[in-house]
């Protein structure tokens, strides 16, 4: 489901978010929304610091919309983490005043792990990159799907 504040802006970059309790992976598109690149991993602190980070990110990177990965079970059901991701997305929309769209993130972390294993990175280096790479994989899938808007997560059930 999309959360659309009244000042929704459809020009600008998209930010893909791989939500986590401790770390949040961030990926960004180019301004034309053709490519997604890993950006950084944000280590969560407290609500005030988190809000300042996402407001600054939105402003400095000219973000138009956040795409939050929604963890879905293989059979299409939502998980407890889905509820947390939805709550985070609602908070993110309220905090930044930007639209938030949820998108299926099944297998993104697994795919990121496989890509990094092929690169022969140490466990420490893989952990340092996993979340932002998972965010990039999810954001790339979103772009390849034609940037669907207004779909609820239930539409992902297939």
Protein backbone atom coordinates (compact mmCIF):
# COMPACT_ATOMS: atom_id res chain seq x y z
CA UNK A 1 0.00 0.00 0.00
CA UNK A 2 1.24 3.46 -0.79
CA UNK A 3 1.17 6.16 1.80
CA UNK A 4 0.74 9.45 -0.02
CA UNK A 5 1.15 12.73 1.87
CA UNK A 6 -0.56 15.73 0.33
CA UNK A 7 2.70 17.17 -1.00
CA UNK A 8 3.61 14.05 -3.01
CA UNK A 9 6.28 14.79 -5.63
CA UNK A 10 6.85 12.43 -8.54
CA UNK A 11 10.12 13.93 -9.81
CA UNK A 12 13.36 12.98 -8.16
CA UNK A 13 15.21 9.89 -7.08
CA UNK A 14 13.80 6.79 -5.46
CA UNK A 15 15.29 5.38 -2.29
CA UNK A 16 15.04 1.66 -1.65
CA UNK A 17 14.89 0.68 2.01
CA UNK A 18 15.85 -2.72 3.41
CA UNK A 19 14.25 -2.32 6.84
CA UNK A 20 15.87 -3.80 9.93
CA UNK A 21 15.66 -3.34 13.68
CA UNK A 22 19.37 -2.51 13.97
CA UNK A 23 20.50 -1.61 10.45
CA UNK A 24 18.68 -0.19 7.43
CA UNK A 25 20.10 -0.72 3.97
CA UNK A 26 19.63 2.19 1.58
CA UNK A 27 19.87 2.14 -2.22
CA UNK A 28 19.23 5.04 -4.58
CA UNK A 29 18.25 5.41 -8.19
CA UNK A 30 19.82 7.85 -10.57
CA UNK A 31 17.66 10.96 -11.20
CA UNK A 32 16.17 9.33 -14.34
CA UNK A 33 15.22 6.22 -12.31
CA UNK A 34 16.97 3.81 -14.64
CA UNK A 35 19.61 2.34 -12.32
CA UNK A 36 19.69 1.45 -8.66
CA UNK A 37 22.94 1.56 -6.70
CA UNK A 38 23.76 0.59 -3.12
CA UNK A 39 24.13 3.77 -1.08
CA UNK A 40 24.81 3.04 2.58
CA UNK A 41 23.81 1.20 5.70
CA UNK A 42 22.27 3.33 8.40
CA UNK A 43 22.80 2.09 11.96
CA UNK A 44 19.64 2.93 13.87
CA UNK A 45 19.95 5.03 17.01
CA UNK A 46 16.77 6.55 18.41
CA UNK A 47 13.67 8.08 16.83
CA UNK A 48 15.05 11.63 16.80
CA UNK A 49 18.36 10.63 15.19
CA UNK A 50 16.58 8.31 12.74
CA UNK A 51 14.19 11.10 11.75
CA UNK A 52 17.06 13.55 11.25
CA UNK A 53 18.90 11.01 9.07
CA UNK A 54 15.93 10.32 6.78
CA UNK A 55 14.99 13.99 6.47
CA UNK A 56 18.59 14.84 5.57
CA UNK A 57 18.76 11.91 3.11
CA UNK A 58 15.54 13.02 1.42
CA UNK A 59 16.73 16.60 1.12
CA UNK A 60 20.37 16.06 0.13
CA UNK A 61 19.66 13.26 -2.35
CA UNK A 62 16.45 14.83 -3.71
CA UNK A 63 14.32 11.81 -2.91
CA UNK A 64 10.80 11.81 -4.34
CA UNK A 65 9.61 8.49 -2.91
CA UNK A 66 10.77 5.71 -0.60
CA UNK A 67 10.33 2.07 -1.61
CA UNK A 68 10.28 -0.06 1.53
CA UNK A 69 10.93 -3.77 1.16
CA UNK A 70 8.12 -5.90 2.53
CA UNK A 71 9.15 -9.33 3.83
CA UNK A 72 6.62 -11.81 2.47
CA UNK A 73 6.51 -15.57 3.11
CA UNK A 74 7.00 -17.91 0.14
CA UNK A 75 3.25 -18.59 0.04
CA UNK A 76 2.52 -14.85 -0.19
CA UNK A 77 1.45 -14.34 3.42
CA UNK A 78 2.84 -11.43 5.35
CA UNK A 79 5.24 -12.09 8.20
CA UNK A 80 5.58 -10.38 11.59
CA UNK A 81 8.47 -8.45 10.01
CA UNK A 82 5.98 -7.24 7.37
CA UNK A 83 3.98 -5.53 10.11
CA UNK A 84 7.16 -3.88 11.41
CA UNK A 85 8.13 -2.76 7.90
CA UNK A 86 4.65 -1.30 7.37
CA UNK A 87 4.84 0.59 10.68
CA UNK A 88 8.29 1.87 9.72
CA UNK A 89 6.99 2.95 6.30
CA UNK A 90 4.12 4.85 7.90
CA UNK A 91 6.56 6.56 10.26
CA UNK A 92 8.89 7.35 7.33
CA UNK A 93 6.05 8.97 5.35
CA UNK A 94 4.98 11.04 8.35
CA UNK A 95 8.58 12.01 9.16
CA UNK A 96 9.67 13.03 5.67
CA UNK A 97 6.36 14.04 4.10
CA UNK A 98 7.18 11.79 1.14
CA UNK A 99 5.28 8.92 -0.40
CA UNK A 100 6.20 5.41 0.70
CA UNK A 101 5.48 2.38 -1.46
CA UNK A 102 5.91 -1.19 -0.24
CA UNK A 103 7.44 -3.80 -2.52
CA UNK A 104 8.04 -7.53 -2.16
CA UNK A 105 11.60 -8.18 -0.99
CA UNK A 106 11.58 -11.99 -1.01
CA UNK A 107 15.03 -13.47 -1.57
CA UNK A 108 16.89 -10.14 -1.67
CA UNK A 109 19.14 -10.92 1.30
CA UNK A 110 19.77 -14.45 0.01
CA UNK A 111 20.65 -13.07 -3.42
CA UNK A 112 22.94 -10.49 -1.84
CA UNK A 113 24.68 -13.25 0.14
CA UNK A 114 25.19 -15.33 -3.02
CA UNK A 115 26.61 -12.36 -4.93
CA UNK A 116 29.02 -11.56 -2.13
CA UNK A 117 30.05 -15.21 -1.71
CA UNK A 118 30.99 -15.23 -5.37
CA UNK A 119 33.14 -12.17 -4.69
CA UNK A 120 35.06 -14.06 -1.97
CA UNK A 121 34.54 -11.38 0.67
CA UNK A 122 35.23 -12.08 4.32
CA UNK A 123 32.25 -12.53 6.65
CA UNK A 124 32.88 -9.08 8.14
CA UNK A 125 32.95 -7.41 4.71
CA UNK A 126 29.80 -9.30 3.63
CA UNK A 127 27.95 -8.15 6.74
CA UNK A 128 29.07 -4.56 6.12
CA UNK A 129 27.54 -4.64 2.61
CA UNK A 130 24.59 -7.04 2.82
CA UNK A 131 21.77 -4.63 3.72
CA UNK A 132 22.59 -1.97 1.13
CA UNK A 133 23.04 -4.63 -1.56
CA UNK A 134 19.68 -6.19 -0.59
CA UNK A 135 18.12 -2.71 -0.88
CA UNK A 136 19.66 -2.33 -4.35
CA UNK A 137 18.34 -5.73 -5.48
CA UNK A 138 14.83 -4.88 -4.25
CA UNK A 139 14.92 -1.39 -5.84
CA UNK A 140 16.15 -2.85 -9.15
CA UNK A 141 13.26 -5.34 -9.10
CA UNK A 142 10.89 -2.43 -8.44
CA UNK A 143 12.28 -0.53 -11.44
CA UNK A 144 12.07 -3.64 -13.63
CA UNK A 145 8.44 -4.11 -12.59
CA UNK A 146 7.68 -0.71 -14.08
CA UNK A 147 7.56 1.19 -10.78
CA UNK A 148 4.10 0.01 -9.77
CA UNK A 149 2.29 2.52 -7.59
CA UNK A 150 -0.69 2.24 -5.34
CA UNK A 151 -0.53 -1.52 -5.01
CA UNK A 152 -1.22 -2.94 -1.62
CA UNK A 153 0.97 -5.73 -0.36
CA UNK A 154 -2.04 -7.98 -0.74
CA UNK A 155 -1.69 -7.49 -4.50
CA UNK A 156 1.66 -9.26 -4.16
CA UNK A 157 -0.05 -12.44 -2.98
CA UNK A 158 -0.46 -13.62 -6.57
